[in-house]
């Protein structure tokens, strides 16, 4: 009588954990690809970071 609700609860928790793990790994991979793409793209010649003082 209590077995099926317990099985449903455990299954729900397992699937929720699986979704969280898959989402975290996918997000980490996406962020790594974005960082690599940003590092590979050179900044335009006239670009300067905000707040950087120029040497005279």
Protein backbone atom coordinates (compact mmCIF):
# COMPACT_ATOMS: atom_id res chain seq x y z
CA UNK A 1 0.00 0.00 0.00
CA UNK A 2 2.78 2.44 0.86
CA UNK A 3 5.18 0.86 -1.62
CA UNK A 4 3.97 2.65 -4.77
CA UNK A 5 4.06 6.17 -3.32
CA UNK A 6 7.55 5.46 -2.00
CA UNK A 7 8.69 4.15 -5.40
CA UNK A 8 7.17 7.20 -7.11
CA UNK A 9 8.92 9.55 -4.68
CA UNK A 10 12.30 7.84 -5.09
CA UNK A 11 11.89 7.83 -8.88
CA UNK A 12 11.01 11.51 -8.87
CA UNK A 13 14.04 12.37 -6.75
CA UNK A 14 16.36 10.29 -8.94
CA UNK A 15 15.07 11.89 -12.14
CA UNK A 16 15.29 15.37 -10.61
CA UNK A 17 18.90 14.72 -9.63
CA UNK A 18 19.66 13.45 -13.13
CA UNK A 19 18.23 16.60 -14.71
CA UNK A 20 20.27 18.79 -12.36
CA UNK A 21 23.50 16.93 -13.14
CA UNK A 22 22.88 17.03 -16.89
CA UNK A 23 22.04 20.74 -16.76
CA UNK A 24 25.15 21.57 -14.75
CA UNK A 25 27.47 19.68 -17.12
CA UNK A 26 25.85 21.24 -20.19
CA UNK A 27 26.13 24.73 -18.68
CA UNK A 28 29.80 24.17 -17.83
CA UNK A 29 30.52 23.00 -21.38
CA UNK A 30 28.69 26.01 -22.85
CA UNK A 31 30.59 28.47 -20.64
CA UNK A 32 33.91 26.83 -21.54
CA UNK A 33 33.13 27.14 -25.26
CA UNK A 34 32.12 30.79 -24.82
CA UNK A 35 35.37 31.60 -22.96
CA UNK A 36 37.42 29.86 -25.65
CA UNK A 37 35.60 31.75 -28.42
CA UNK A 38 36.11 35.06 -26.62
CA UNK A 39 39.83 34.34 -26.10
CA UNK A 40 40.28 33.38 -29.76
CA UNK A 41 38.64 36.57 -31.05
CA UNK A 42 41.11 39.47 -31.00
CA UNK A 43 39.85 42.84 -29.82
CA UNK A 44 39.56 45.56 -32.48
CA UNK A 45 42.64 47.79 -32.79
CA UNK A 46 40.88 50.91 -31.50
CA UNK A 47 39.19 49.17 -28.61
CA UNK A 48 40.20 50.10 -25.12
CA UNK A 49 38.88 48.92 -21.81
CA UNK A 50 36.81 51.41 -19.86
CA UNK A 51 38.77 53.09 -17.11
CA UNK A 52 42.21 52.27 -18.51
CA UNK A 53 44.55 55.26 -18.36
CA UNK A 54 46.67 55.93 -21.44
CA UNK A 55 50.40 56.39 -21.07
CA UNK A 56 51.55 59.82 -22.25
